Amino acid sequence: MPATLEVRCTDADCELDMFELHYTYDMPDEVGVADFVCPYCRGSDLEEIEL
């Protein structure tokens, strides 16, 4: 099963509480949260939500 990350934007002005990143099998292993931006505010202040 492809990897899934739950992510939150830590920008105080952003109204998005969390979102999920669903990878395909072709995603390189070294890709992580720092390689993405918030889909709502386009900010890069993201952190992974540890379950």
Protein backbone atom coordinates (compact mmCIF):
# COMPACT_ATOMS: atom_id res chain seq x y z
CA MET A 1 0.00 0.00 0.00
CA PRO A 2 1.36 3.48 -0.84
CA ALA A 3 2.49 5.71 2.03
CA THR A 4 0.10 8.26 3.51
CA LEU A 5 1.07 11.30 5.57
CA GLU A 6 -1.28 13.40 7.67
CA VAL A 7 -0.05 16.99 7.68
CA ARG A 8 -0.98 20.25 9.38
CA CYS A 9 -0.11 23.78 8.35
CA THR A 10 1.42 25.69 11.26
CA ASP A 11 0.85 29.16 9.77
CA ALA A 12 -1.34 31.03 12.31
CA ASP A 13 -3.30 32.74 9.51
CA CYS A 14 -4.15 29.50 7.68
CA GLU A 15 -7.66 28.10 8.17
CA LEU A 16 -6.88 24.55 7.02
CA ASP A 17 -6.58 22.23 10.02
CA MET A 18 -5.07 19.18 8.30
CA PHE A 19 -4.75 17.31 5.01
CA GLU A 20 -3.41 13.98 3.78
CA LEU A 21 -0.71 13.23 1.25
CA HIS A 22 -1.24 9.95 -0.58
CA TYR A 23 1.89 8.80 -2.38
CA THR A 24 2.07 6.50 -5.38
CA TYR A 25 4.48 3.60 -5.47
CA ASP A 26 6.78 5.67 -7.72
CA MET A 27 7.46 8.35 -5.07
CA PRO A 28 11.15 8.38 -4.04
CA ASP A 29 11.79 7.31 -0.43
CA GLU A 30 13.51 10.58 0.46
CA VAL A 31 10.43 12.72 -0.31
CA GLY A 32 8.87 14.16 2.85
CA VAL A 33 6.67 16.91 4.22
CA ALA A 34 9.28 19.60 3.48
CA ASP A 35 8.81 18.95 -0.26
CA PHE A 36 5.18 20.16 -0.26
CA VAL A 37 3.18 23.35 0.36
CA CYS A 38 -0.18 23.90 2.01
CA PRO A 39 -2.97 23.55 -0.58
CA TYR A 40 -4.93 26.35 1.13
CA CYS A 41 -2.45 29.16 1.88
CA ARG A 42 0.49 27.91 -0.25
CA GLY A 43 2.78 28.22 2.79
CA SER A 44 5.60 25.81 3.51
CA ASP A 45 5.23 25.74 7.32
CA LEU A 46 4.05 22.15 7.48
CA GLU A 47 4.50 19.39 10.03
CA GLU A 48 3.61 15.73 10.00
CA ILE A 49 0.92 14.62 12.43
CA GLU A 50 2.24 11.61 14.34
CA LEU A 51 -0.44 9.02 15.02
